[in-house]
Amino acid sequence: MKDLIAQGIAILCKNDNDINRIIDSRRDIIISLLERYINEIETFNPAYGLVGTTDTNELIIKHILDSLAPLGIITRLLNQCDTLPRLQLADAGSGAGLPGIPLAIALSNCDFTLIERMGRRAGFLLNTKAVLALTNINIEENELEKTRDSRFKLITFRAFKPLEPKLLKALFRVCEPDGIIAAYKGKREKIEEEIAPLEKHCGKWEALPCPVPFLDEERHLLVIKPKT
């Protein structure tokens, strides 16, 4: 397990200078925390249905490395924000904590709120926070629509729901006025089909490639900004 995580992170660092800058000085700590996180997922997955695989390598590649692949993009987006050093980020429909927990492990100078409506999964997140001693995450057991608004500089979601006007409105409501939505997506063609009917509801959007080590699938981070 450890070797595959280390190899994947090495590839991400080699391909993106910002990822290397974030990870390099804490690489051993990050890898150790990710190992422990994977152990927690595998322990609770049979009962809670956290991820759709029982294969450790697939879990590492399709979930952990996939969560970390846009780390450089996210960092560059945050660096463009005129805000205090301690940024507030959120992960909507966090489920098993993906991508929120891997991002929080890497971005220890940011605070993350993991929003999850299902009680058992929120319980898993609370337990994982304690086991990994992650002081920069907060768990909110709630519907996205009921979350207090205007809180976050950036909100991620992955394998949550297809984008539609109601969801987009809910996401922007919990963002700061100049906040950013960062959605983990696959093929650009599918993204363009999904975003076309939503363009009147949002401002600028970009689909930025973020290849995942060892995964021969097209992956993008869909970045959406509010109307100005």
C-alpha atoms as a PDB file:
ATOM      1  CA  MET A   1       0.000   0.000   0.000  1.00  0.00           C
ATOM      2  CA  LYS A   2       2.642   2.489   1.092  1.00  0.00           C
ATOM      3  CA  ASP A   3       4.706   2.036  -2.067  1.00  0.00           C
ATOM      4  CA  LEU A   4       1.769   2.727  -4.377  1.00  0.00           C
ATOM      5  CA  ILE A   5       0.788   5.842  -2.434  1.00  0.00           C
ATOM      6  CA  ALA A   6       4.393   7.074  -2.470  1.00  0.00           C
ATOM      7  CA  GLN A   7       4.788   6.378  -6.197  1.00  0.00           C
ATOM      8  CA  GLY A   8       1.539   8.168  -7.023  1.00  0.00           C
ATOM      9  CA  ILE A   9       2.468  11.209  -4.950  1.00  0.00           C
ATOM     10  CA  ALA A  10       5.918  11.283  -6.549  1.00  0.00           C
ATOM     11  CA  ILE A  11       4.281  11.436  -9.987  1.00  0.00           C
ATOM     12  CA  LEU A  12       1.933  14.235  -8.913  1.00  0.00           C
ATOM     13  CA  CYS A  13       4.884  16.190  -7.473  1.00  0.00           C
ATOM     14  CA  LYS A  14       6.951  15.668 -10.619  1.00  0.00           C
ATOM     15  CA  ASN A  15       4.136  16.885 -12.869  1.00  0.00           C
ATOM     16  CA  ASP A  16       3.160  19.984 -10.836  1.00  0.00           C
ATOM     17  CA  ASN A  17       5.595  22.272  -9.032  1.00  0.00           C
ATOM     18  CA  ASP A  18       2.885  23.581  -6.709  1.00  0.00           C
ATOM     19  CA  ILE A  19       1.993  20.081  -5.557  1.00  0.00           C
ATOM     20  CA  ASN A  20       5.672  19.396  -4.947  1.00  0.00           C
ATOM     21  CA  ARG A  21       6.011  22.625  -2.941  1.00  0.00           C
ATOM     22  CA  ILE A  22       3.045  21.681  -0.744  1.00  0.00           C
ATOM     23  CA  ILE A  23       3.914  18.042  -0.188  1.00  0.00           C
ATOM     24  CA  ASP A  24       7.702  17.743  -0.280  1.00  0.00           C
ATOM     25  CA  SER A  25       8.581  18.889   3.252  1.00  0.00           C
ATOM     26  CA  ARG A  26       5.750  16.808   4.784  1.00  0.00           C
ATOM     27  CA  ARG A  27       5.817  13.845   2.416  1.00  0.00           C
ATOM     28  CA  ASP A  28       6.372  11.111   5.034  1.00  0.00           C
ATOM     29  CA  ILE A  29       3.661  12.517   7.320  1.00  0.00           C
ATOM     30  CA  ILE A  30       1.187  12.807   4.433  1.00  0.00           C
ATOM     31  CA  ILE A  31       1.832   9.248   3.249  1.00  0.00           C
ATOM     32  CA  SER A  32       1.468   7.899   6.799  1.00  0.00           C
ATOM     33  CA  LEU A  33      -1.832   9.731   7.332  1.00  0.00           C
ATOM     34  CA  LEU A  34      -3.168   8.513   3.986  1.00  0.00           C
ATOM     35  CA  GLU A  35      -2.255   4.924   4.920  1.00  0.00           C
ATOM     36  CA  ARG A  36      -4.169   5.221   8.173  1.00  0.00           C
ATOM     37  CA  TYR A  37      -7.096   6.814   6.367  1.00  0.00           C
ATOM     38  CA  ILE A  38      -7.238   3.945   3.888  1.00  0.00           C
ATOM     39  CA  ASN A  39      -7.212   1.474   6.776  1.00  0.00           C
ATOM     40  CA  GLU A  40     -10.213   3.256   8.289  1.00  0.00           C
ATOM     41  CA  ILE A  41     -12.111   3.132   4.985  1.00  0.00           C
ATOM     42  CA  GLU A  42     -11.391  -0.574   4.540  1.00  0.00           C
ATOM     43  CA  THR A  43     -12.418  -1.340   8.123  1.00  0.00           C
ATOM     44  CA  PHE A  44     -15.796   0.403   7.886  1.00  0.00           C
ATOM     45  CA  ASN A  45     -16.580  -0.047   4.185  1.00  0.00           C
ATOM     46  CA  PRO A  46     -18.353  -3.429   4.493  1.00  0.00           C
ATOM     47  CA  ALA A  47     -20.876  -1.983   6.951  1.00  0.00           C
ATOM     48  CA  TYR A  48     -21.185   1.581   5.658  1.00  0.00           C
ATOM     49  CA  GLY A  49     -20.722   1.211   1.877  1.00  0.00           C
ATOM     50  CA  LEU A  50     -18.251   4.081   1.759  1.00  0.00           C
ATOM     51  CA  VAL A  51     -16.635   3.276  -1.597  1.00  0.00           C
ATOM     52  CA  GLY A  52     -17.534   0.904  -4.395  1.00  0.00           C
ATOM     53  CA  THR A  53     -14.419  -1.249  -4.263  1.00  0.00           C
ATOM     54  CA  THR A  54     -12.751  -3.784  -1.988  1.00  0.00           C
ATOM     55  CA  ASP A  55      -9.451  -3.660  -3.872  1.00  0.00           C
ATOM     56  CA  THR A  56      -6.813  -1.606  -2.050  1.00  0.00           C
ATOM     57  CA  ASN A  57      -4.942  -0.559  -5.205  1.00  0.00           C
ATOM     58  CA  GLU A  58      -8.166   0.616  -6.829  1.00  0.00           C
ATOM     59  CA  LEU A  59      -9.041   2.532  -3.674  1.00  0.00           C
ATOM     60  CA  ILE A  60      -5.660   4.269  -3.732  1.00  0.00           C
ATOM     61  CA  ILE A  61      -5.752   5.137  -7.433  1.00  0.00           C
ATOM     62  CA  LYS A  62      -9.420   5.922  -8.064  1.00  0.00           C
ATOM     63  CA  HIS A  63     -10.148   7.639  -4.774  1.00  0.00           C
ATOM     64  CA  ILE A  64      -7.037   8.842  -2.917  1.00  0.00           C
ATOM     65  CA  LEU A  65      -4.822   9.878  -5.842  1.00  0.00           C
ATOM     66  CA  ASP A  66      -7.884  11.106  -7.737  1.00  0.00           C
ATOM     67  CA  SER A  67      -8.696  13.371  -4.777  1.00  0.00           C
ATOM     68  CA  LEU A  68      -5.151  14.765  -4.746  1.00  0.00           C
ATOM     69  CA  ALA A  69      -4.711  15.148  -8.523  1.00  0.00           C
ATOM     70  CA  PRO A  70      -6.149  18.736  -8.674  1.00  0.00           C
ATOM     71  CA  LEU A  71      -4.210  19.871  -5.588  1.00  0.00           C
ATOM     72  CA  GLY A  72      -2.003  22.214  -7.636  1.00  0.00           C
ATOM     73  CA  ILE A  73      -5.007  23.722  -9.411  1.00  0.00           C
ATOM     74  CA  ILE A  74      -6.829  24.279  -6.119  1.00  0.00           C
ATOM     75  CA  THR A  75      -3.762  25.904  -4.587  1.00  0.00           C
ATOM     76  CA  ARG A  76      -3.392  28.282  -7.524  1.00  0.00           C
ATOM     77  CA  LEU A  77      -7.081  29.207  -7.282  1.00  0.00           C
ATOM     78  CA  LEU A  78      -6.699  29.962  -3.586  1.00  0.00           C
ATOM     79  CA  ASN A  79      -3.566  32.014  -4.136  1.00  0.00           C
ATOM     80  CA  GLN A  80      -5.616  34.310  -6.360  1.00  0.00           C
ATOM     81  CA  CYS A  81      -8.005  35.017  -3.490  1.00  0.00           C
ATOM     82  CA  ASP A  82      -7.586  38.190  -1.476  1.00  0.00           C
ATOM     83  CA  THR A  83      -8.275  36.723   1.965  1.00  0.00           C
ATOM     84  CA  LEU A  84      -6.745  35.907   5.342  1.00  0.00           C
ATOM     85  CA  PRO A  85      -4.115  33.138   5.491  1.00  0.00           C
ATOM     86  CA  ARG A  86      -6.464  30.632   7.179  1.00  0.00           C
ATOM     87  CA  LEU A  87      -8.840  29.766   4.335  1.00  0.00           C
ATOM     88  CA  GLN A  88     -12.211  28.097   4.894  1.00  0.00           C
ATOM     89  CA  LEU A  89     -12.978  25.302   2.424  1.00  0.00           C
ATOM     90  CA  ALA A  90     -15.790  22.747   2.263  1.00  0.00           C
ATOM     91  CA  ASP A  91     -16.503  19.342   0.763  1.00  0.00           C
ATOM     92  CA  ALA A  92     -20.199  18.848  -0.112  1.00  0.00           C
ATOM     93  CA  GLY A  93     -21.682  15.377   0.166  1.00  0.00           C
ATOM     94  CA  SER A  94     -18.391  14.225   1.609  1.00  0.00           C
ATOM     95  CA  GLY A  95     -19.371  10.572   2.121  1.00  0.00           C
ATOM     96  CA  ALA A  96     -16.150   8.764   2.989  1.00  0.00           C
ATOM     97  CA  GLY A  97     -14.325  12.104   3.133  1.00  0.00           C
ATOM     98  CA  LEU A  98     -13.372  12.227  -0.525  1.00  0.00           C
ATOM     99  CA  PRO A  99     -11.825  14.526  -1.606  1.00  0.00           C
ATOM    100  CA  GLY A 100     -12.014  16.495   1.645  1.00  0.00           C
ATOM    101  CA  ILE A 101      -9.795  14.378   3.894  1.00  0.00           C
ATOM    102  CA  PRO A 102      -6.902  13.861   1.423  1.00  0.00           C
ATOM    103  CA  LEU A 103      -6.993  17.604   0.646  1.00  0.00           C
ATOM    104  CA  ALA A 104      -7.060  18.484   4.357  1.00  0.00           C
ATOM    105  CA  ILE A 105      -4.088  16.183   4.979  1.00  0.00           C
ATOM    106  CA  ALA A 106      -2.115  17.951   2.242  1.00  0.00           C
ATOM    107  CA  LEU A 107      -3.338  21.504   2.958  1.00  0.00           C
ATOM    108  CA  SER A 108      -2.730  21.624   6.687  1.00  0.00           C
ATOM    109  CA  ASN A 109      -2.876  25.455   6.640  1.00  0.00           C
ATOM    110  CA  CYS A 110      -6.522  25.425   5.499  1.00  0.00           C
ATOM    111  CA  ASP A 111      -9.678  24.578   7.440  1.00  0.00           C
ATOM    112  CA  PHE A 112     -12.139  22.111   5.903  1.00  0.00           C
ATOM    113  CA  THR A 113     -15.793  21.486   6.684  1.00  0.00           C
ATOM    114  CA  LEU A 114     -17.050  18.092   5.510  1.00  0.00           C
ATOM    115  CA  ILE A 115     -20.793  18.331   4.859  1.00  0.00           C
ATOM    116  CA  GLU A 116     -22.552  14.942   4.985  1.00  0.00           C
ATOM    117  CA  ARG A 117     -26.264  14.341   5.543  1.00  0.00           C
ATOM    118  CA  MET A 118     -26.119  10.588   6.341  1.00  0.00           C
ATOM    119  CA  GLY A 119     -25.634   9.906  10.047  1.00  0.00           C
ATOM    120  CA  ARG A 120     -23.523   6.761   9.739  1.00  0.00           C
ATOM    121  CA  ARG A 121     -21.141   8.356   7.273  1.00  0.00           C
ATOM    122  CA  ALA A 122     -20.911  11.513   9.372  1.00  0.00           C
ATOM    123  CA  GLY A 123     -20.057   9.197  12.269  1.00  0.00           C
ATOM    124  CA  PHE A 124     -17.315   7.598  10.181  1.00  0.00           C
ATOM    125  CA  LEU A 125     -15.905  11.049   9.418  1.00  0.00           C
ATOM    126  CA  LEU A 126     -15.902  12.002  13.098  1.00  0.00           C
ATOM    127  CA  ASN A 127     -14.129   8.770  13.988  1.00  0.00           C
ATOM    128  CA  THR A 128     -11.558   9.272  11.222  1.00  0.00           C
ATOM    129  CA  LYS A 129     -10.913  12.838  12.334  1.00  0.00           C
ATOM    130  CA  ALA A 130     -10.142  11.507  15.823  1.00  0.00           C
ATOM    131  CA  VAL A 131      -8.010   8.564  14.683  1.00  0.00           C
ATOM    132  CA  LEU A 132      -5.916  10.730  12.349  1.00  0.00           C
ATOM    133  CA  ALA A 133      -5.872  13.677  14.810  1.00  0.00           C
ATOM    134  CA  LEU A 134      -6.867  16.083  12.032  1.00  0.00           C
ATOM    135  CA  THR A 135      -7.375  19.409  13.751  1.00  0.00           C
ATOM    136  CA  ASN A 136      -8.164  21.284  10.536  1.00  0.00           C
ATOM    137  CA  ILE A 137     -11.429  19.522   9.700  1.00  0.00           C
ATOM    138  CA  ASN A 138     -14.951  19.963  11.008  1.00  0.00           C
ATOM    139  CA  ILE A 139     -17.845  17.579  10.351  1.00  0.00           C
ATOM    140  CA  GLU A 140     -21.302  18.986   9.667  1.00  0.00           C
ATOM    141  CA  GLU A 141     -24.112  16.428   9.552  1.00  0.00           C
ATOM    142  CA  ASN A 142     -26.580  18.333   7.430  1.00  0.00           C
ATOM    143  CA  GLU A 143     -28.193  18.789   4.045  1.00  0.00           C
ATOM    144  CA  LEU A 144     -26.234  21.169   1.836  1.00  0.00           C
ATOM    145  CA  GLU A 145     -29.359  23.290   1.477  1.00  0.00           C
ATOM    146  CA  LYS A 146     -29.547  23.748   5.281  1.00  0.00           C
ATOM    147  CA  THR A 147     -25.920  24.723   5.767  1.00  0.00           C
ATOM    148  CA  ARG A 148     -25.257  28.273   6.940  1.00  0.00           C
ATOM    149  CA  ASP A 149     -24.511  30.490   3.938  1.00  0.00           C
ATOM    150  CA  SER A 150     -21.547  32.624   2.803  1.00  0.00           C
ATOM    151  CA  ARG A 151     -18.924  30.663   4.704  1.00  0.00           C
ATOM    152  CA  PHE A 152     -16.425  29.172   2.284  1.00  0.00           C
ATOM    153  CA  LYS A 153     -13.839  30.451  -0.150  1.00  0.00           C
ATOM    154  CA  LEU A 154     -13.969  27.198  -2.132  1.00  0.00           C
ATOM    155  CA  ILE A 155     -16.306  24.207  -2.065  1.00  0.00           C
ATOM    156  CA  THR A 156     -15.536  20.869  -3.674  1.00  0.00           C
ATOM    157  CA  PHE A 157     -17.743  17.977  -4.562  1.00  0.00           C
ATOM    158  CA  ARG A 158     -17.018  14.599  -6.082  1.00  0.00           C
ATOM    159  CA  ALA A 159     -19.447  11.841  -7.066  1.00  0.00           C
ATOM    160  CA  PHE A 160     -22.148  13.853  -5.297  1.00  0.00           C
ATOM    161  CA  LYS A 161     -24.885  14.854  -7.730  1.00  0.00           C
ATOM    162  CA  PRO A 162     -25.056  15.944 -11.374  1.00  0.00           C
ATOM    163  CA  LEU A 163     -24.985  19.708 -11.675  1.00  0.00           C
ATOM    164  CA  GLU A 164     -28.364  21.356 -12.113  1.00  0.00           C
ATOM    165  CA  PRO A 165     -29.670  24.852 -11.300  1.00  0.00           C
ATOM    166  CA  LYS A 166     -30.950  24.017  -7.801  1.00  0.00           C
ATOM    167  CA  LEU A 167     -27.666  22.396  -6.757  1.00  0.00           C
ATOM    168  CA  LEU A 168     -25.596  25.192  -8.283  1.00  0.00           C
ATOM    169  CA  LYS A 169     -27.648  27.755  -6.350  1.00  0.00           C
ATOM    170  CA  ALA A 170     -27.163  25.793  -3.101  1.00  0.00           C
ATOM    171  CA  LEU A 171     -23.408  25.560  -3.666  1.00  0.00           C
ATOM    172  CA  PHE A 172     -23.032  29.269  -4.367  1.00  0.00           C
ATOM    173  CA  ARG A 173     -25.162  30.091  -1.321  1.00  0.00           C
ATOM    174  CA  VAL A 174     -22.623  28.505   1.032  1.00  0.00           C
ATOM    175  CA  CYS A 175     -19.693  30.150  -0.754  1.00  0.00           C
ATOM    176  CA  GLU A 176     -18.392  33.606  -0.014  1.00  0.00           C
ATOM    177  CA  PRO A 177     -19.602  36.172  -2.588  1.00  0.00           C
ATOM    178  CA  ASP A 178     -16.454  35.645  -4.662  1.00  0.00           C
ATOM    179  CA  GLY A 179     -16.190  31.957  -3.805  1.00  0.00           C
ATOM    180  CA  ILE A 180     -15.341  29.114  -6.155  1.00  0.00           C
ATOM    181  CA  ILE A 181     -16.977  25.763  -6.893  1.00  0.00           C
ATOM    182  CA  ALA A 182     -14.514  22.994  -7.791  1.00  0.00           C
ATOM    183  CA  ALA A 183     -16.243  19.865  -9.089  1.00  0.00           C
ATOM    184  CA  TYR A 184     -14.377  16.626  -9.791  1.00  0.00           C
ATOM    185  CA  LYS A 185     -15.446  15.421 -13.227  1.00  0.00           C
ATOM    186  CA  GLY A 186     -14.438  13.048 -16.026  1.00  0.00           C
ATOM    187  CA  LYS A 187     -14.546  13.576 -19.777  1.00  0.00           C
ATOM    188  CA  ARG A 188     -14.612  17.124 -21.121  1.00  0.00           C
ATOM    189  CA  GLU A 189     -17.361  16.204 -23.593  1.00  0.00           C
ATOM    190  CA  LYS A 190     -19.640  15.186 -20.712  1.00  0.00           C
ATOM    191  CA  ILE A 191     -18.743  18.343 -18.797  1.00  0.00           C
ATOM    192  CA  GLU A 192     -19.722  20.555 -21.725  1.00  0.00           C
ATOM    193  CA  GLU A 193     -23.077  18.749 -21.990  1.00  0.00           C
ATOM    194  CA  GLU A 194     -23.664  19.172 -18.253  1.00  0.00           C
ATOM    195  CA  ILE A 195     -22.675  22.837 -18.038  1.00  0.00           C
ATOM    196  CA  ALA A 196     -24.411  24.070 -21.222  1.00  0.00           C
ATOM    197  CA  PRO A 197     -27.882  24.523 -19.652  1.00  0.00           C
ATOM    198  CA  LEU A 198     -26.314  26.124 -16.556  1.00  0.00           C
ATOM    199  CA  GLU A 199     -24.280  28.887 -18.167  1.00  0.00           C
ATOM    200  CA  LYS A 200     -26.988  31.487 -17.524  1.00  0.00           C
ATOM    201  CA  HIS A 201     -26.825  30.645 -13.803  1.00  0.00           C
ATOM    202  CA  CYS A 202     -23.079  31.084 -13.321  1.00  0.00           C
ATOM    203  CA  GLY A 203     -20.144  33.229 -14.361  1.00  0.00           C
ATOM    204  CA  LYS A 204     -16.900  32.010 -15.860  1.00  0.00           C
ATOM    205  CA  TRP A 205     -16.177  28.287 -15.895  1.00  0.00           C
ATOM    206  CA  GLU A 206     -13.177  26.171 -16.864  1.00  0.00           C
ATOM    207  CA  ALA A 207     -12.573  22.440 -17.170  1.00  0.00           C
ATOM    208  CA  LEU A 208      -8.936  21.937 -16.193  1.00  0.00           C
ATOM    209  CA  PRO A 209      -7.219  18.599 -16.885  1.00  0.00           C
ATOM    210  CA  CYS A 210      -5.917  16.783 -13.801  1.00  0.00           C
ATOM    211  CA  PRO A 211      -4.571  13.359 -14.788  1.00  0.00           C
ATOM    212  CA  VAL A 212      -4.465  10.731 -12.055  1.00  0.00           C
ATOM    213  CA  PRO A 213      -1.353   8.545 -11.731  1.00  0.00           C
ATOM    214  CA  PHE A 214      -1.881   4.963 -12.966  1.00  0.00           C
ATOM    215  CA  LEU A 215      -5.421   5.777 -14.173  1.00  0.00           C
ATOM    216  CA  ASP A 216      -6.071   5.684 -17.910  1.00  0.00           C
ATOM    217  CA  GLU A 217      -9.191   7.827 -17.710  1.00  0.00           C
ATOM    218  CA  GLU A 218      -9.855  11.450 -18.558  1.00  0.00           C
ATOM    219  CA  ARG A 219     -10.212  13.567 -15.409  1.00  0.00           C
ATOM    220  CA  HIS A 220     -10.931  17.298 -15.026  1.00  0.00           C
ATOM    221  CA  LEU A 221     -11.594  19.810 -12.289  1.00  0.00           C
ATOM    222  CA  LEU A 222     -14.598  21.896 -13.268  1.00  0.00           C
ATOM    223  CA  VAL A 223     -14.064  25.367 -11.798  1.00  0.00           C
ATOM    224  CA  ILE A 224     -17.156  27.576 -11.641  1.00  0.00           C
ATOM    225  CA  LYS A 225     -17.256  31.173 -10.477  1.00  0.00           C
ATOM    226  CA  PRO A 226     -20.364  33.237  -9.646  1.00  0.00           C
ATOM    227  CA  LYS A 227     -21.827  35.879 -11.853  1.00  0.00           C
ATOM    228  CA  THR A 228     -20.341  39.307 -11.295  1.00  0.00           C
END
